[in-house]
Amino acid sequence: MLDKSAKRREKIMVELSESELRYLLASGYGLLLNIPKESLSTYTNFNASEIGEFSKKIRRVMDENDISV
């Protein structure tokens, strides 16, 4: 069994579409710029449904790899 520090270094392969990768980078950058929550979907070009679907996809990957938030 891996200790927590080793688990954090473990690599996980995730496939993202081009738009998902753009969303991931834009939302992270938007947080750094303090973009208001109400404007984030405009800033990232993902609507609320797409944000929800992407979040579910990433959550599934985290669950499959026993990663907590």
N, C-alpha and C. Protein backbone atom coordinates (compact mmCIF):
# COMPACT_ATOMS: atom_id res chain seq x y z
N MET A 1 0.84 -1.19 0.00
CA MET A 1 0.00 0.00 0.00
C MET A 1 0.88 1.25 0.00
N LEU A 2 0.52 2.23 -0.81
CA LEU A 2 1.29 3.46 -0.92
C LEU A 2 0.97 4.41 0.22
N ASP A 3 2.01 5.09 0.73
CA ASP A 3 1.72 6.13 1.71
C ASP A 3 1.17 7.35 0.97
N LYS A 4 0.66 8.32 1.72
CA LYS A 4 0.00 9.47 1.09
C LYS A 4 0.93 10.27 0.20
N SER A 5 2.18 10.46 0.59
CA SER A 5 3.10 11.25 -0.24
C SER A 5 3.41 10.53 -1.54
N ALA A 6 3.52 9.21 -1.50
CA ALA A 6 3.75 8.45 -2.73
C ALA A 6 2.52 8.49 -3.62
N LYS A 7 1.34 8.41 -3.02
CA LYS A 7 0.09 8.45 -3.77
C LYS A 7 -0.03 9.78 -4.52
N ARG A 8 0.39 10.87 -3.91
CA ARG A 8 0.31 12.18 -4.57
C ARG A 8 1.22 12.28 -5.77
N ARG A 9 2.27 11.50 -5.80
CA ARG A 9 3.22 11.54 -6.92
C ARG A 9 2.82 10.59 -8.05
N GLU A 10 1.88 9.70 -7.77
CA GLU A 10 1.44 8.74 -8.76
C GLU A 10 0.81 9.47 -9.95
N LYS A 11 1.11 9.02 -11.15
CA LYS A 11 0.56 9.67 -12.36
C LYS A 11 -0.73 8.99 -12.78
N ILE A 12 -1.65 9.81 -13.24
CA ILE A 12 -2.95 9.33 -13.71
C ILE A 12 -3.14 9.86 -15.13
N MET A 13 -3.46 8.97 -16.04
CA MET A 13 -3.70 9.37 -17.42
C MET A 13 -5.18 9.72 -17.58
N VAL A 14 -5.44 10.91 -18.12
CA VAL A 14 -6.80 11.39 -18.33
C VAL A 14 -6.88 11.93 -19.75
N GLU A 15 -7.90 11.52 -20.49
CA GLU A 15 -8.11 12.05 -21.84
C GLU A 15 -9.06 13.24 -21.75
N LEU A 16 -8.64 14.35 -22.35
CA LEU A 16 -9.47 15.56 -22.40
C LEU A 16 -9.64 15.98 -23.84
N SER A 17 -10.80 16.49 -24.16
CA SER A 17 -10.99 17.08 -25.48
C SER A 17 -10.28 18.44 -25.48
N GLU A 18 -10.12 19.00 -26.65
CA GLU A 18 -9.50 20.32 -26.76
C GLU A 18 -10.28 21.36 -25.96
N SER A 19 -11.62 21.30 -26.05
CA SER A 19 -12.43 22.28 -25.33
C SER A 19 -12.35 22.06 -23.81
N GLU A 20 -12.25 20.81 -23.37
CA GLU A 20 -12.11 20.54 -21.94
C GLU A 20 -10.78 21.07 -21.40
N LEU A 21 -9.73 20.90 -22.18
CA LEU A 21 -8.42 21.42 -21.77
C LEU A 21 -8.45 22.94 -21.69
N ARG A 22 -9.08 23.57 -22.67
CA ARG A 22 -9.22 25.04 -22.63
C ARG A 22 -10.01 25.48 -21.39
N TYR A 23 -11.10 24.74 -21.09
CA TYR A 23 -11.91 25.07 -19.92
C TYR A 23 -11.07 24.96 -18.65
N LEU A 24 -10.34 23.87 -18.51
CA LEU A 24 -9.54 23.64 -17.33
C LEU A 24 -8.54 24.78 -17.11
N LEU A 25 -7.85 25.16 -18.16
CA LEU A 25 -6.88 26.25 -18.04
C LEU A 25 -7.56 27.60 -17.82
N ALA A 26 -8.63 27.86 -18.53
CA ALA A 26 -9.32 29.15 -18.39
C ALA A 26 -9.95 29.30 -17.02
N SER A 27 -10.53 28.23 -16.49
CA SER A 27 -11.16 28.35 -15.18
C SER A 27 -10.11 28.54 -14.09
N GLY A 28 -9.00 27.84 -14.19
CA GLY A 28 -7.92 28.04 -13.22
C GLY A 28 -7.37 29.46 -13.29
N TYR A 29 -7.16 29.94 -14.50
CA TYR A 29 -6.67 31.31 -14.67
C TYR A 29 -7.72 32.32 -14.21
N GLY A 30 -8.97 32.03 -14.50
CA GLY A 30 -10.06 32.91 -14.06
C GLY A 30 -10.11 33.04 -12.55
N LEU A 31 -9.84 31.94 -11.85
CA LEU A 31 -9.81 32.00 -10.38
C LEU A 31 -8.67 32.90 -9.90
N LEU A 32 -7.53 32.80 -10.56
CA LEU A 32 -6.40 33.66 -10.20
C LEU A 32 -6.72 35.14 -10.41
N LEU A 33 -7.52 35.41 -11.44
CA LEU A 33 -7.89 36.80 -11.76
C LEU A 33 -9.13 37.26 -10.99
N ASN A 34 -9.65 36.39 -10.13
CA ASN A 34 -10.86 36.69 -9.35
C ASN A 34 -12.06 37.02 -10.24
N ILE A 35 -12.21 36.26 -11.33
CA ILE A 35 -13.38 36.41 -12.20
C ILE A 35 -14.61 36.01 -11.37
N PRO A 36 -15.65 36.84 -11.34
CA PRO A 36 -16.85 36.49 -10.56
C PRO A 36 -17.46 35.17 -11.04
N LYS A 37 -18.00 34.42 -10.10
CA LYS A 37 -18.62 33.12 -10.40
C LYS A 37 -19.65 33.25 -11.52
N GLU A 38 -20.41 34.34 -11.51
CA GLU A 38 -21.45 34.54 -12.52
C GLU A 38 -20.87 34.73 -13.92
N SER A 39 -19.62 35.14 -14.02
CA SER A 39 -18.99 35.40 -15.32
C SER A 39 -18.11 34.26 -15.80
N LEU A 40 -17.90 33.26 -14.94
CA LEU A 40 -16.95 32.20 -15.29
C LEU A 40 -17.37 31.42 -16.53
N SER A 41 -18.66 31.16 -16.70
CA SER A 41 -19.08 30.40 -17.89
C SER A 41 -18.82 31.18 -19.17
N THR A 42 -18.98 32.50 -19.13
CA THR A 42 -18.66 33.33 -20.29
C THR A 42 -17.15 33.33 -20.54
N TYR A 43 -16.40 33.46 -19.48
CA TYR A 43 -14.94 33.51 -19.57
C TYR A 43 -14.37 32.20 -20.10
N THR A 44 -14.95 31.07 -19.70
CA THR A 44 -14.41 29.77 -20.09
C THR A 44 -15.05 29.19 -21.35
N ASN A 45 -16.11 29.79 -21.84
CA ASN A 45 -16.84 29.31 -23.01
C ASN A 45 -17.52 27.96 -22.76
N PHE A 46 -17.79 27.61 -21.52
CA PHE A 46 -18.55 26.42 -21.16
C PHE A 46 -19.83 26.88 -20.49
N ASN A 47 -20.96 26.33 -20.92
CA ASN A 47 -22.21 26.68 -20.24
C ASN A 47 -22.34 25.83 -18.96
N ALA A 48 -23.37 26.09 -18.19
CA ALA A 48 -23.54 25.40 -16.90
C ALA A 48 -23.61 23.88 -17.08
N SER A 49 -24.29 23.42 -18.12
CA SER A 49 -24.40 21.99 -18.38
C SER A 49 -23.04 21.38 -18.69
N GLU A 50 -22.26 22.04 -19.52
CA GLU A 50 -20.92 21.54 -19.87
C GLU A 50 -20.00 21.53 -18.65
N ILE A 51 -20.11 22.55 -17.81
CA ILE A 51 -19.30 22.60 -16.58
C ILE A 51 -19.67 21.41 -15.69
N GLY A 52 -20.97 21.14 -15.56
CA GLY A 52 -21.42 20.00 -14.76
C GLY A 52 -20.92 18.67 -15.30
N GLU A 53 -21.01 18.49 -16.62
CA GLU A 53 -20.55 17.24 -17.23
C GLU A 53 -19.04 17.06 -17.06
N PHE A 54 -18.30 18.13 -17.24
CA PHE A 54 -16.85 18.05 -17.07
C PHE A 54 -16.51 17.71 -15.62
N SER A 55 -17.19 18.35 -14.69
CA SER A 55 -16.95 18.08 -13.27
C SER A 55 -17.25 16.62 -12.93
N LYS A 56 -18.33 16.08 -13.49
CA LYS A 56 -18.66 14.67 -13.26
C LYS A 56 -17.57 13.75 -13.82
N LYS A 57 -17.06 14.09 -15.00
CA LYS A 57 -16.02 13.29 -15.63
C LYS A 57 -14.77 13.26 -14.75
N ILE A 58 -14.35 14.41 -14.27
CA ILE A 58 -13.16 14.49 -13.43
C ILE A 58 -13.41 13.80 -12.09
N ARG A 59 -14.61 13.95 -11.56
CA ARG A 59 -14.94 13.29 -10.29
C ARG A 59 -14.87 11.77 -10.43
N ARG A 60 -15.36 11.24 -11.57
CA ARG A 60 -15.28 9.80 -11.82
C ARG A 60 -13.82 9.33 -11.80
N VAL A 61 -12.96 10.09 -12.48
CA VAL A 61 -11.53 9.74 -12.52
C VAL A 61 -10.96 9.74 -11.11
N MET A 62 -11.32 10.76 -10.33
CA MET A 62 -10.84 10.84 -8.95
C MET A 62 -11.35 9.67 -8.12
N ASP A 63 -12.62 9.33 -8.26
CA ASP A 63 -13.19 8.20 -7.52
C ASP A 63 -12.51 6.89 -7.90
N GLU A 64 -12.29 6.69 -9.20
CA GLU A 64 -11.65 5.46 -9.68
C GLU A 64 -10.22 5.31 -9.15
N ASN A 65 -9.60 6.43 -8.82
CA ASN A 65 -8.22 6.42 -8.34
C ASN A 65 -8.11 6.74 -6.85
N ASP A 66 -9.24 6.68 -6.16
CA ASP A 66 -9.28 6.89 -4.71
C ASP A 66 -8.62 8.22 -4.31
N ILE A 67 -9.02 9.28 -5.01
CA ILE A 67 -8.48 10.62 -4.73
C ILE A 67 -9.61 11.45 -4.12
N SER A 68 -9.34 12.02 -2.96
CA SER A 68 -10.35 12.87 -2.33
C SER A 68 -10.14 14.32 -2.77
N VAL A 69 -11.18 15.11 -2.59
CA VAL A 69 -11.11 16.51 -2.99
C VAL A 69 -10.31 17.30 -1.99
